[in-house]
Amino acid sequence: MNDIAALQPTRLVGVRETFGIDADLQVPAFAERDAHVPEIDAVYRFNPDVTLAILAGFMRDRRVMVQGLHGTGKSTHIEQVAARLNWPCVRLNLDGHISRLDLVGKDAVVLRDGKQVTEFQEGMVPWALQRPVALIFDEYDAGRPDVMFVIQRILERDGQFTLLDQNKVLRPHPFFRLFATANTVGLGNLNGLYHGAQRLNHAQIDRWNIVASLDYLPTAEEIAIVQARVPSLADAAGRATVAAMVAVADLTRKGFAAGDLSTLMSPRTVITWAENLEIFKDVALAFRLSFVNKCDEAERPLVAEYFQRCLDRELAESHRLADG
């Protein structure tokens, strides 16, 4: 890939025309697509409030964190905004194996003119910091606490980054942007859904300029997205089936909120269910393979009741509820 350090936005795009949001904002954008720019998903639905928060990050160099339950499309939301702005974008998943050296860089042995020499290879943070790149820290609350402090300084406005091994201080590129996604807001795994989520230092959380909360889509929009993802369900009969599937998902979310279930169906799970329905041609079998088998055995009869209530069909797990 060509080095993109010299690129900069050369045009403005209207928020109303590009994102369908009733606002007169003009957002800087790049004229051409680079290999780092995500592909445009034509059927993606933008949440207006979250989209405006992300656009503020691109326009005003705000540090934006998007928080929400799994499957709401947090990372995809940022990517799809970047895709429509032709803005180079890189995602970095902060799993437990990401170390300080991965972020900052390390000395490596390389071949130069047939000889082995040791040279410093910069990590993802200094690489992105010096380029017009939107860097996304995925699963921000899963990063190890000692690693998280590596990025503390760049969270500040005009935050510089010090490479101790090189005795260098890096200044951020004028069009470098920083985003993060998280299932929690640094409070840890309170509800048991997100094992591995860490309690974060609130001095660091305070450095994020904007924290947007992304919830599940309204029912009509969720139905439209599932139909767009699975064209075989795009007709009237398919819409009725998808509407029932989304209704089941909504009941699981309400059951989770009430404490009746320990898991729930995300929009991603509903799409998977629809795709499996296309494969197996049986809505009950596809449901079992997509969601029921992920549930605790004690909760499966309740999930089966949700299914029966919405699709008027019995699952084997329903009889266990009756026997109980």
Foldseek 3Di string as FASTA:
>chain_A
DDQFLPFDFDDWDACCVQQVAPDRDTATAHPDADPQQDDADPLDHADRVVLVQLSCCQRVVAEEEEEAAPQLCRVVNNSNSSNSRSFREDEDEQAAPDDLCQQAWDWDWDADPNDTDIDTDGHDNLSLQSHLYEYEYEQLQLHDAVNNVQCQQVLAVQRWHADVVVRDIHTGRPNRGYYYYHHDLQCPCPLVPDPRGHRYDVVSSVSRPYYHYRYHDPLVSLLSSLCVLPVVLVDPNSSLVLSLLVQLQVVQVVCVVVVNFSDGDHSVLSSQLSVVCVVPVDSQVSCCVSPLVVGDLVNSLVSQVSSCVRVVDGDPSVVVVVVD
